[in-house]
Full PDB file with SEQRES, HELIX, SHEET, SSBOND, CRYST1, ORIGX, SCALE, CONECT and MASTER records, all heavy atoms in Angstrom:
SEQRES   1 A   37  GLU SER PRO TYR GLY ASN THR LYS ARG ILE CYS GLU ASP          
SEQRES   2 A   37  ILE ILE ARG ASP SER VAL LYS ALA TYR GLY SER ILE ASN          
SEQRES   3 A   37  ALA ILE ALA LEU ARG TYR PHE ASN PRO ILE GLY                  
HELIX    1 AA1 PRO A    3  TYR A   22  1                                  20    
CRYST1    1.000    1.000    1.000  90.00  90.00  90.00 P 1           1          
ORIGX1      1.000000  0.000000  0.000000        0.00000                         
ORIGX2      0.000000  1.000000  0.000000        0.00000                         
ORIGX3      0.000000  0.000000  1.000000        0.00000                         
SCALE1      1.000000  0.000000  0.000000        0.00000                         
SCALE2      0.000000  1.000000  0.000000        0.00000                         
SCALE3      0.000000  0.000000  1.000000        0.00000                         
ATOM      1  N   GLU A   1      -8.104  47.042 118.391  1.00  0.00           N  
ATOM      2  CA  GLU A   1      -6.727  47.718 118.868  1.00  0.00           C  
ATOM      3  C   GLU A   1      -5.639  47.782 117.787  1.00  0.00           C  
ATOM      4  O   GLU A   1      -4.694  48.395 117.869  1.00  0.00           O  
ATOM      5  CB  GLU A   1      -6.142  46.999 120.132  1.00  0.00           C  
ATOM      6  CG  GLU A   1      -7.028  46.944 121.263  1.00  0.00           C  
ATOM      7  CD  GLU A   1      -6.973  48.266 122.114  1.00  0.00           C  
ATOM      8  OE1 GLU A   1      -5.905  49.046 121.936  1.00  0.00           O  
ATOM      9  OE2 GLU A   1      -7.970  48.552 122.775  1.00  0.00           O  
ATOM     10  N   SER A   2      -5.829  47.044 116.686  1.00  0.00           N  
ATOM     11  CA  SER A   2      -4.966  46.818 115.635  1.00  0.00           C  
ATOM     12  C   SER A   2      -5.654  46.579 114.164  1.00  0.00           C  
ATOM     13  O   SER A   2      -6.641  45.997 114.240  1.00  0.00           O  
ATOM     14  CB  SER A   2      -3.882  45.720 115.852  1.00  0.00           C  
ATOM     15  OG  SER A   2      -4.510  44.519 115.835  1.00  0.00           O  
ATOM     16  N   PRO A   3      -4.880  46.798 113.235  1.00  0.00           N  
ATOM     17  CA  PRO A   3      -5.391  46.369 111.901  1.00  0.00           C  
ATOM     18  C   PRO A   3      -5.688  44.848 111.838  1.00  0.00           C  
ATOM     19  O   PRO A   3      -6.640  44.456 111.178  1.00  0.00           O  
ATOM     20  CB  PRO A   3      -4.327  46.828 110.884  1.00  0.00           C  
ATOM     21  CG  PRO A   3      -3.690  47.975 111.529  1.00  0.00           C  
ATOM     22  CD  PRO A   3      -3.664  47.832 112.957  1.00  0.00           C  
ATOM     23  N   TYR A   4      -4.820  44.082 112.423  1.00  0.00           N  
ATOM     24  CA  TYR A   4      -4.994  42.693 112.430  1.00  0.00           C  
ATOM     25  C   TYR A   4      -6.433  42.302 113.136  1.00  0.00           C  
ATOM     26  O   TYR A   4      -7.177  41.555 112.520  1.00  0.00           O  
ATOM     27  CB  TYR A   4      -3.901  41.855 113.199  1.00  0.00           C  
ATOM     28  CG  TYR A   4      -4.360  40.661 113.765  1.00  0.00           C  
ATOM     29  CD1 TYR A   4      -4.408  39.541 112.755  1.00  0.00           C  
ATOM     30  CD2 TYR A   4      -4.598  40.376 115.038  1.00  0.00           C  
ATOM     31  CE1 TYR A   4      -4.784  38.196 113.177  1.00  0.00           C  
ATOM     32  CE2 TYR A   4      -5.019  39.028 115.452  1.00  0.00           C  
ATOM     33  CZ  TYR A   4      -5.123  37.965 114.537  1.00  0.00           C  
ATOM     34  OH  TYR A   4      -5.645  36.844 114.846  1.00  0.00           O  
ATOM     35  N   GLY A   5      -6.562  42.831 114.310  1.00  0.00           N  
ATOM     36  CA  GLY A   5      -7.904  42.647 114.994  1.00  0.00           C  
ATOM     37  C   GLY A   5      -8.989  43.239 114.174  1.00  0.00           C  
ATOM     38  O   GLY A   5     -10.086  42.466 114.134  1.00  0.00           O  
ATOM     39  N   ASN A   6      -8.868  44.206 113.493  1.00  0.00           N  
ATOM     40  CA  ASN A   6      -9.866  44.763 112.663  1.00  0.00           C  
ATOM     41  C   ASN A   6     -10.182  43.781 111.531  1.00  0.00           C  
ATOM     42  O   ASN A   6     -11.467  43.761 111.049  1.00  0.00           O  
ATOM     43  CB  ASN A   6      -9.551  46.087 112.156  1.00  0.00           C  
ATOM     44  CG  ASN A   6     -10.941  46.979 111.932  1.00  0.00           C  
ATOM     45  OD1 ASN A   6     -11.887  46.760 112.462  1.00  0.00           O  
ATOM     46  ND2 ASN A   6     -10.769  47.817 110.801  1.00  0.00           N  
ATOM     47  N   THR A   7      -9.193  43.174 110.876  1.00  0.00           N  
ATOM     48  CA  THR A   7      -9.571  42.260 109.775  1.00  0.00           C  
ATOM     49  C   THR A   7     -10.334  41.184 110.259  1.00  0.00           C  
ATOM     50  O   THR A   7     -11.215  40.604 109.505  1.00  0.00           O  
ATOM     51  CB  THR A   7      -8.182  41.720 109.166  1.00  0.00           C  
ATOM     52  OG1 THR A   7      -7.442  40.950 110.164  1.00  0.00           O  
ATOM     53  CG2 THR A   7      -7.402  42.719 108.710  1.00  0.00           C  
ATOM     54  N   LYS A   8     -10.179  40.489 111.534  1.00  0.00           N  
ATOM     55  CA  LYS A   8     -10.971  39.585 112.079  1.00  0.00           C  
ATOM     56  C   LYS A   8     -12.471  39.993 112.032  1.00  0.00           C  
ATOM     57  O   LYS A   8     -13.396  39.309 111.860  1.00  0.00           O  
ATOM     58  CB  LYS A   8     -10.471  39.106 113.376  1.00  0.00           C  
ATOM     59  CG  LYS A   8      -9.176  38.353 113.271  1.00  0.00           C  
ATOM     60  CD  LYS A   8      -9.253  37.165 112.344  1.00  0.00           C  
ATOM     61  CE  LYS A   8      -7.941  36.373 112.217  1.00  0.00           C  
ATOM     62  NZ  LYS A   8      -7.919  35.196 111.304  1.00  0.00           N  
ATOM     63  N   ARG A   9     -12.664  41.199 112.631  1.00  0.00           N  
ATOM     64  CA  ARG A   9     -14.022  41.769 112.843  1.00  0.00           C  
ATOM     65  C   ARG A   9     -14.716  41.950 111.340  1.00  0.00           C  
ATOM     66  O   ARG A   9     -15.803  41.490 111.186  1.00  0.00           O  
ATOM     67  CB  ARG A   9     -13.957  43.161 113.381  1.00  0.00           C  
ATOM     68  CG  ARG A   9     -13.871  43.294 114.954  1.00  0.00           C  
ATOM     69  CD  ARG A   9     -13.577  44.761 115.289  1.00  0.00           C  
ATOM     70  NE  ARG A   9     -14.432  45.730 114.652  1.00  0.00           N  
ATOM     71  CZ  ARG A   9     -15.539  46.236 115.236  1.00  0.00           C  
ATOM     72  NH1 ARG A   9     -15.913  45.845 116.484  1.00  0.00           N  
ATOM     73  NH2 ARG A   9     -16.331  46.954 114.699  1.00  0.00           N  
ATOM     74  N   ILE A  10     -13.986  42.505 110.449  1.00  0.00           N  
ATOM     75  CA  ILE A  10     -14.408  42.670 109.051  1.00  0.00           C  
ATOM     76  C   ILE A  10     -14.789  41.293 108.396  1.00  0.00           C  
ATOM     77  O   ILE A  10     -15.797  41.147 107.786  1.00  0.00           O  
ATOM     78  CB  ILE A  10     -13.485  43.445 108.244  1.00  0.00           C  
ATOM     79  CG1 ILE A  10     -13.345  44.926 108.707  1.00  0.00           C  
ATOM     80  CG2 ILE A  10     -13.820  43.570 106.691  1.00  0.00           C  
ATOM     81  CD1 ILE A  10     -12.141  45.700 108.204  1.00  0.00           C  
ATOM     82  N   CYS A  11     -13.823  40.317 108.674  1.00  0.00           N  
ATOM     83  CA  CYS A  11     -14.138  38.978 107.974  1.00  0.00           C  
ATOM     84  C   CYS A  11     -15.322  38.380 108.614  1.00  0.00           C  
ATOM     85  O   CYS A  11     -16.116  37.743 107.929  1.00  0.00           O  
ATOM     86  CB  CYS A  11     -12.845  38.082 108.252  1.00  0.00           C  
ATOM     87  SG  CYS A  11     -11.487  38.615 107.146  1.00  0.00           S  
ATOM     88  N   GLU A  12     -15.490  38.519 109.921  1.00  0.00           N  
ATOM     89  CA  GLU A  12     -16.729  37.977 110.570  1.00  0.00           C  
ATOM     90  C   GLU A  12     -18.041  38.513 109.889  1.00  0.00           C  
ATOM     91  O   GLU A  12     -19.039  37.905 109.625  1.00  0.00           O  
ATOM     92  CB  GLU A  12     -16.831  38.178 111.969  1.00  0.00           C  
ATOM     93  CG  GLU A  12     -15.964  37.236 112.833  1.00  0.00           C  
ATOM     94  CD  GLU A  12     -16.188  37.257 114.319  1.00  0.00           C  
ATOM     95  OE1 GLU A  12     -17.149  38.060 114.738  1.00  0.00           O  
ATOM     96  OE2 GLU A  12     -15.511  36.638 115.136  1.00  0.00           O  
ATOM     97  N   ASP A  13     -17.907  39.862 109.714  1.00  0.00           N  
ATOM     98  CA  ASP A  13     -19.087  40.682 108.981  1.00  0.00           C  
ATOM     99  C   ASP A  13     -19.242  40.129 107.588  1.00  0.00           C  
ATOM    100  O   ASP A  13     -20.420  40.004 107.146  1.00  0.00           O  
ATOM    101  CB  ASP A  13     -18.828  42.088 109.112  1.00  0.00           C  
ATOM    102  CG  ASP A  13     -18.774  42.716 110.613  1.00  0.00           C  
ATOM    103  OD1 ASP A  13     -19.373  41.945 111.388  1.00  0.00           O  
ATOM    104  OD2 ASP A  13     -18.349  43.754 110.722  1.00  0.00           O  
ATOM    105  N   ILE A  14     -18.191  39.916 106.901  1.00  0.00           N  
ATOM    106  CA  ILE A  14     -18.330  39.490 105.523  1.00  0.00           C  
ATOM    107  C   ILE A  14     -18.962  38.059 105.504  1.00  0.00           C  
ATOM    108  O   ILE A  14     -19.905  37.833 104.604  1.00  0.00           O  
ATOM    109  CB  ILE A  14     -16.939  39.351 104.845  1.00  0.00           C  
ATOM    110  CG1 ILE A  14     -16.333  40.847 104.692  1.00  0.00           C  
ATOM    111  CG2 ILE A  14     -17.029  38.580 103.532  1.00  0.00           C  
ATOM    112  CD1 ILE A  14     -14.968  40.819 104.089  1.00  0.00           C  
ATOM    113  N   ILE A  15     -18.571  37.250 106.407  1.00  0.00           N  
ATOM    114  CA  ILE A  15     -19.227  35.873 106.428  1.00  0.00           C  
ATOM    115  C   ILE A  15     -20.714  36.042 106.864  1.00  0.00           C  
ATOM    116  O   ILE A  15     -21.528  35.369 106.202  1.00  0.00           O  
ATOM    117  CB  ILE A  15     -18.376  35.004 107.465  1.00  0.00           C  
ATOM    118  CG1 ILE A  15     -16.989  34.689 107.040  1.00  0.00           C  
ATOM    119  CG2 ILE A  15     -19.205  33.709 107.706  1.00  0.00           C  
ATOM    120  CD1 ILE A  15     -16.192  34.146 108.117  1.00  0.00           C  
ATOM    121  N   ARG A  16     -20.952  36.827 107.888  1.00  0.00           N  
ATOM    122  CA  ARG A  16     -22.294  36.926 108.389  1.00  0.00           C  
ATOM    123  C   ARG A  16     -23.285  37.416 107.136  1.00  0.00           C  
ATOM    124  O   ARG A  16     -24.374  36.948 107.001  1.00  0.00           O  
ATOM    125  CB  ARG A  16     -22.436  37.977 109.495  1.00  0.00           C  
ATOM    126  CG  ARG A  16     -23.818  38.004 110.098  1.00  0.00           C  
ATOM    127  CD  ARG A  16     -23.797  39.012 111.201  1.00  0.00           C  
ATOM    128  NE  ARG A  16     -23.228  38.540 112.462  1.00  0.00           N  
ATOM    129  CZ  ARG A  16     -21.963  38.789 112.881  1.00  0.00           C  
ATOM    130  NH1 ARG A  16     -21.276  39.782 112.176  1.00  0.00           N  
ATOM    131  NH2 ARG A  16     -21.438  38.204 113.936  1.00  0.00           N  
ATOM    132  N   ASP A  17     -22.758  38.452 106.426  1.00  0.00           N  
ATOM    133  CA  ASP A  17     -23.618  38.969 105.388  1.00  0.00           C  
ATOM    134  C   ASP A  17     -23.726  38.067 104.160  1.00  0.00           C  
ATOM    135  O   ASP A  17     -24.802  37.944 103.489  1.00  0.00           O  
ATOM    136  CB  ASP A  17     -22.912  40.295 104.866  1.00  0.00           C  
ATOM    137  CG  ASP A  17     -23.095  41.482 105.922  1.00  0.00           C  
ATOM    138  OD1 ASP A  17     -23.823  41.391 106.853  1.00  0.00           O  
ATOM    139  OD2 ASP A  17     -22.276  42.440 105.735  1.00  0.00           O  
ATOM    140  N   SER A  18     -22.687  37.296 103.994  1.00  0.00           N  
ATOM    141  CA  SER A  18     -22.672  36.315 102.880  1.00  0.00           C  
ATOM    142  C   SER A  18     -23.626  35.174 103.064  1.00  0.00           C  
ATOM    143  O   SER A  18     -24.385  34.809 102.220  1.00  0.00           O  
ATOM    144  CB  SER A  18     -21.252  35.808 102.528  1.00  0.00           C  
ATOM    145  OG  SER A  18     -20.392  36.886 102.205  1.00  0.00           O  
ATOM    146  N   VAL A  19     -23.596  34.700 104.262  1.00  0.00           N  
ATOM    147  CA  VAL A  19     -24.406  33.559 104.756  1.00  0.00           C  
ATOM    148  C   VAL A  19     -25.905  34.038 104.696  1.00  0.00           C  
ATOM    149  O   VAL A  19     -26.704  33.264 104.116  1.00  0.00           O  
ATOM    150  CB  VAL A  19     -24.172  33.132 106.093  1.00  0.00           C  
ATOM    151  CG1 VAL A  19     -25.258  32.338 106.710  1.00  0.00           C  
ATOM    152  CG2 VAL A  19     -22.802  32.331 106.246  1.00  0.00           C  
ATOM    153  N   LYS A  20     -26.158  35.247 105.175  1.00  0.00           N  
ATOM    154  CA  LYS A  20     -27.556  35.834 104.998  1.00  0.00           C  
ATOM    155  C   LYS A  20     -28.046  35.869 103.595  1.00  0.00           C  
ATOM    156  O   LYS A  20     -29.201  35.721 103.293  1.00  0.00           O  
ATOM    157  CB  LYS A  20     -27.603  37.115 105.722  1.00  0.00           C  
ATOM    158  CG  LYS A  20     -28.904  37.652 105.948  1.00  0.00           C  
ATOM    159  CD  LYS A  20     -28.821  38.956 106.782  1.00  0.00           C  
ATOM    160  CE  LYS A  20     -30.275  39.643 106.811  1.00  0.00           C  
ATOM    161  NZ  LYS A  20     -30.232  40.914 107.742  1.00  0.00           N  
ATOM    162  N   ALA A  21     -27.160  36.507 102.824  1.00  0.00           N  
ATOM    163  CA  ALA A  21     -27.601  36.786 101.428  1.00  0.00           C  
ATOM    164  C   ALA A  21     -27.735  35.576 100.445  1.00  0.00           C  
ATOM    165  O   ALA A  21     -28.661  35.436  99.654  1.00  0.00           O  
ATOM    166  CB  ALA A  21     -26.549  37.790 100.728  1.00  0.00           C  
ATOM    167  N   TYR A  22     -26.815  34.689 100.527  1.00  0.00           N  
ATOM    168  CA  TYR A  22     -26.781  33.627  99.591  1.00  0.00           C  
ATOM    169  C   TYR A  22     -27.429  32.354  99.921  1.00  0.00           C  
ATOM    170  O   TYR A  22     -27.833  31.562  99.125  1.00  0.00           O  
ATOM    171  CB  TYR A  22     -25.217  33.315  99.204  1.00  0.00           C  
ATOM    172  CG  TYR A  22     -24.606  34.507  98.702  1.00  0.00           C  
ATOM    173  CD1 TYR A  22     -23.348  34.920  99.280  1.00  0.00           C  
ATOM    174  CD2 TYR A  22     -25.076  35.397  97.837  1.00  0.00           C  
ATOM    175  CE1 TYR A  22     -22.618  35.969  98.798  1.00  0.00           C  
ATOM    176  CE2 TYR A  22     -24.449  36.566  97.321  1.00  0.00           C  
ATOM    177  CZ  TYR A  22     -23.216  36.940  97.941  1.00  0.00           C  
ATOM    178  OH  TYR A  22     -22.559  38.026  97.548  1.00  0.00           O  
ATOM    179  N   GLY A  23     -27.611  32.084 101.229  1.00  0.00           N  
ATOM    180  CA  GLY A  23     -28.340  30.926 101.740  1.00  0.00           C  
ATOM    181  C   GLY A  23     -27.843  29.504 101.441  1.00  0.00           C  
ATOM    182  O   GLY A  23     -28.319  28.556 101.992  1.00  0.00           O  
ATOM    183  N   SER A  24     -26.674  29.536 100.837  1.00  0.00           N  
ATOM    184  CA  SER A  24     -26.032  28.215 100.362  1.00  0.00           C  
ATOM    185  C   SER A  24     -24.823  27.847 101.275  1.00  0.00           C  
ATOM    186  O   SER A  24     -24.353  26.852 101.142  1.00  0.00           O  
ATOM    187  CB  SER A  24     -25.701  28.218  98.890  1.00  0.00           C  
ATOM    188  OG  SER A  24     -24.646  29.183  98.715  1.00  0.00           O  
ATOM    189  N   ILE A  25     -24.539  28.855 102.163  1.00  0.00           N  
ATOM    190  CA  ILE A  25     -23.304  28.596 102.878  1.00  0.00           C  
ATOM    191  C   ILE A  25     -23.602  28.625 104.420  1.00  0.00           C  
ATOM    192  O   ILE A  25     -24.441  29.448 104.862  1.00  0.00           O  
ATOM    193  CB  ILE A  25     -22.275  29.733 102.590  1.00  0.00           C  
ATOM    194  CG1 ILE A  25     -21.910  29.766 101.180  1.00  0.00           C  
ATOM    195  CG2 ILE A  25     -21.137  29.700 103.611  1.00  0.00           C  
ATOM    196  CD1 ILE A  25     -21.072  30.924 100.696  1.00  0.00           C  
ATOM    197  N   ASN A  26     -23.069  27.737 105.101  1.00  0.00           N  
ATOM    198  CA  ASN A  26     -23.085  27.595 106.656  1.00  0.00           C  
ATOM    199  C   ASN A  26     -21.645  27.985 107.074  1.00  0.00           C  
ATOM    200  O   ASN A  26     -20.748  27.531 106.499  1.00  0.00           O  
ATOM    201  CB  ASN A  26     -23.428  26.188 107.165  1.00  0.00           C  
ATOM    202  CG  ASN A  26     -24.821  25.850 106.705  1.00  0.00           C  
ATOM    203  OD1 ASN A  26     -25.779  26.622 106.874  1.00  0.00           O  
ATOM    204  ND2 ASN A  26     -24.989  24.542 106.306  1.00  0.00           N  
ATOM    205  N   ALA A  27     -21.581  28.797 108.143  1.00  0.00           N  
ATOM    206  CA  ALA A  27     -20.303  29.028 108.674  1.00  0.00           C  
ATOM    207  C   ALA A  27     -20.193  29.029 110.187  1.00  0.00           C  
ATOM    208  O   ALA A  27     -21.191  29.448 110.896  1.00  0.00           O  
ATOM    209  CB  ALA A  27     -19.801  30.369 108.169  1.00  0.00           C  
ATOM    210  N   ILE A  28     -19.153  28.697 110.735  1.00  0.00           N  
ATOM    211  CA  ILE A  28     -18.843  28.812 112.225  1.00  0.00           C  
ATOM    212  C   ILE A  28     -17.549  29.420 112.458  1.00  0.00           C  
ATOM    213  O   ILE A  28     -16.562  29.125 111.929  1.00  0.00           O  
ATOM    214  CB  ILE A  28     -18.743  27.333 112.806  1.00  0.00           C  
ATOM    215  CG1 ILE A  28     -20.256  26.594 112.880  1.00  0.00           C  
ATOM    216  CG2 ILE A  28     -18.376  27.499 114.369  1.00  0.00           C  
ATOM    217  CD1 ILE A  28     -20.119  25.380 113.418  1.00  0.00           C  
ATOM    218  N   ALA A  29     -17.591  30.593 113.156  1.00  0.00           N  
ATOM    219  CA  ALA A  29     -16.438  31.363 113.499  1.00  0.00           C  
ATOM    220  C   ALA A  29     -15.964  30.832 114.925  1.00  0.00           C  
ATOM    221  O   ALA A  29     -16.815  30.882 115.930  1.00  0.00           O  
ATOM    222  CB  ALA A  29     -16.649  32.902 113.486  1.00  0.00           C  
ATOM    223  N   LEU A  30     -14.711  30.485 115.106  1.00  0.00           N  
ATOM    224  CA  LEU A  30     -14.144  30.145 116.437  1.00  0.00           C  
ATOM    225  C   LEU A  30     -13.361  31.331 116.794  1.00  0.00           C  
ATOM    226  O   LEU A  30     -12.292  31.594 116.207  1.00  0.00           O  
ATOM    227  CB  LEU A  30     -13.375  28.901 116.235  1.00  0.00           C  
ATOM    228  CG  LEU A  30     -14.104  27.552 115.823  1.00  0.00           C  
ATOM    229  CD1 LEU A  30     -13.177  26.447 115.728  1.00  0.00           C  
ATOM    230  CD2 LEU A  30     -15.327  27.377 116.635  1.00  0.00           C  
ATOM    231  N   ARG A  31     -13.641  31.900 117.948  1.00  0.00           N  
ATOM    232  CA  ARG A  31     -12.832  32.993 118.495  1.00  0.00           C  
ATOM    233  C   ARG A  31     -11.919  32.455 119.436  1.00  0.00           C  
ATOM    234  O   ARG A  31     -12.206  32.052 120.584  1.00  0.00           O  
ATOM    235  CB  ARG A  31     -13.778  33.885 119.251  1.00  0.00           C  
ATOM    236  CG  ARG A  31     -14.631  34.838 118.188  1.00  0.00           C  
ATOM    237  CD  ARG A  31     -15.744  35.693 118.833  1.00  0.00           C  
ATOM    238  NE  ARG A  31     -16.482  36.464 117.788  1.00  0.00           N  
ATOM    239  CZ  ARG A  31     -17.546  37.104 118.100  1.00  0.00           C  
ATOM    240  NH1 ARG A  31     -18.197  36.999 119.339  1.00  0.00           N  
ATOM    241  NH2 ARG A  31     -18.160  37.843 117.101  1.00  0.00           N  
ATOM    242  N   TYR A  32     -10.642  32.323 118.970  1.00  0.00           N  
ATOM    243  CA  TYR A  32      -9.506  31.698 119.795  1.00  0.00           C  
ATOM    244  C   TYR A  32      -9.125  32.704 120.930  1.00  0.00           C  
ATOM    245  O   TYR A  32      -9.007  33.948 120.643  1.00  0.00           O  
ATOM    246  CB  TYR A  32      -8.284  31.387 118.954  1.00  0.00           C  
ATOM    247  CG  TYR A  32      -8.491  30.658 117.707  1.00  0.00           C  
ATOM    248  CD1 TYR A  32      -7.447  30.874 116.787  1.00  0.00           C  
ATOM    249  CD2 TYR A  32      -9.527  29.893 117.467  1.00  0.00           C  
ATOM    250  CE1 TYR A  32      -7.716  30.149 115.539  1.00  0.00           C  
ATOM    251  CE2 TYR A  32      -9.670  29.191 116.205  1.00  0.00           C  
ATOM    252  CZ  TYR A  32      -8.703  29.403 115.326  1.00  0.00           C  
ATOM    253  OH  TYR A  32      -8.804  28.653 114.082  1.00  0.00           O  
ATOM    254  N   PHE A  33      -8.656  32.157 121.981  1.00  0.00           N  
ATOM    255  CA  PHE A  33      -7.957  32.920 123.010  1.00  0.00           C  
ATOM    256  C   PHE A  33      -6.532  32.662 122.700  1.00  0.00           C  
ATOM    257  O   PHE A  33      -6.093  32.891 121.588  1.00  0.00           O  
ATOM    258  CB  PHE A  33      -8.674  32.611 124.384  1.00  0.00           C  
ATOM    259  CG  PHE A  33      -9.865  33.346 124.532  1.00  0.00           C  
ATOM    260  CD1 PHE A  33     -11.004  32.952 123.875  1.00  0.00           C  
ATOM    261  CD2 PHE A  33      -9.937  34.385 125.440  1.00  0.00           C  
ATOM    262  CE1 PHE A  33     -12.252  33.753 124.019  1.00  0.00           C  
ATOM    263  CE2 PHE A  33     -11.060  35.215 125.442  1.00  0.00           C  
ATOM    264  CZ  PHE A  33     -12.237  34.780 124.793  1.00  0.00           C  
ATOM    265  N   ASN A  34      -5.740  32.330 123.683  1.00  0.00           N  
ATOM    266  CA  ASN A  34      -4.213  32.352 123.416  1.00  0.00           C  
ATOM    267  C   ASN A  34      -3.660  30.975 123.234  1.00  0.00           C  
ATOM    268  O   ASN A  34      -3.423  30.252 124.310  1.00  0.00           O  
ATOM    269  CB  ASN A  34      -3.536  33.006 124.513  1.00  0.00           C  
ATOM    270  CG  ASN A  34      -3.746  34.592 124.455  1.00  0.00           C  
ATOM    271  OD1 ASN A  34      -4.898  34.922 124.706  1.00  0.00           O  
ATOM    272  ND2 ASN A  34      -2.770  35.375 124.280  1.00  0.00           N  
ATOM    273  N   PRO A  35      -3.550  30.351 122.014  1.00  0.00           N  
ATOM    274  CA  PRO A  35      -2.946  29.020 121.857  1.00  0.00           C  
ATOM    275  C   PRO A  35      -1.521  28.969 122.221  1.00  0.00           C  
ATOM    276  O   PRO A  35      -0.743  29.828 121.850  1.00  0.00           O  
ATOM    277  CB  PRO A  35      -3.239  28.697 120.428  1.00  0.00           C  
ATOM    278  CG  PRO A  35      -3.454  30.065 119.736  1.00  0.00           C  
ATOM    279  CD  PRO A  35      -3.862  30.996 120.686  1.00  0.00           C  
ATOM    280  N   ILE A  36      -1.109  27.862 122.944  1.00  0.00           N  
ATOM    281  CA  ILE A  36       0.182  27.621 123.365  1.00  0.00           C  
ATOM    282  C   ILE A  36       0.528  26.064 123.315  1.00  0.00           C  
ATOM    283  O   ILE A  36      -0.378  25.294 123.244  1.00  0.00           O  
ATOM    284  CB  ILE A  36       0.679  28.196 124.737  1.00  0.00           C  
ATOM    285  CG1 ILE A  36      -0.328  27.552 125.796  1.00  0.00           C  
ATOM    286  CG2 ILE A  36       0.547  29.665 124.690  1.00  0.00           C  
ATOM    287  CD1 ILE A  36       0.206  27.894 127.177  1.00  0.00           C  
ATOM    288  N   GLY A  37       1.770  25.673 123.307  1.00  0.00           N  
ATOM    289  CA  GLY A  37       2.117  24.302 123.415  1.00  0.00           C  
ATOM    290  C   GLY A  37       2.416  23.652 122.107  1.00  0.00           C  
ATOM    291  O   GLY A  37       2.536  24.385 120.984  1.00  0.00           O  
TER     292      GLY A  37                                                      
MASTER        0    0    0    1    0    0    0    6  291    1    0    3          
END                                                                             
């Protein structure tokens, strides 16, 4: 819905492709909902 949201999609894709290509990196993406407090 926004460029911000799109950067998160793109960054996830960059991580996924990098992990697959290079083999030396492990990554976990945490998809947050709405942090408060």
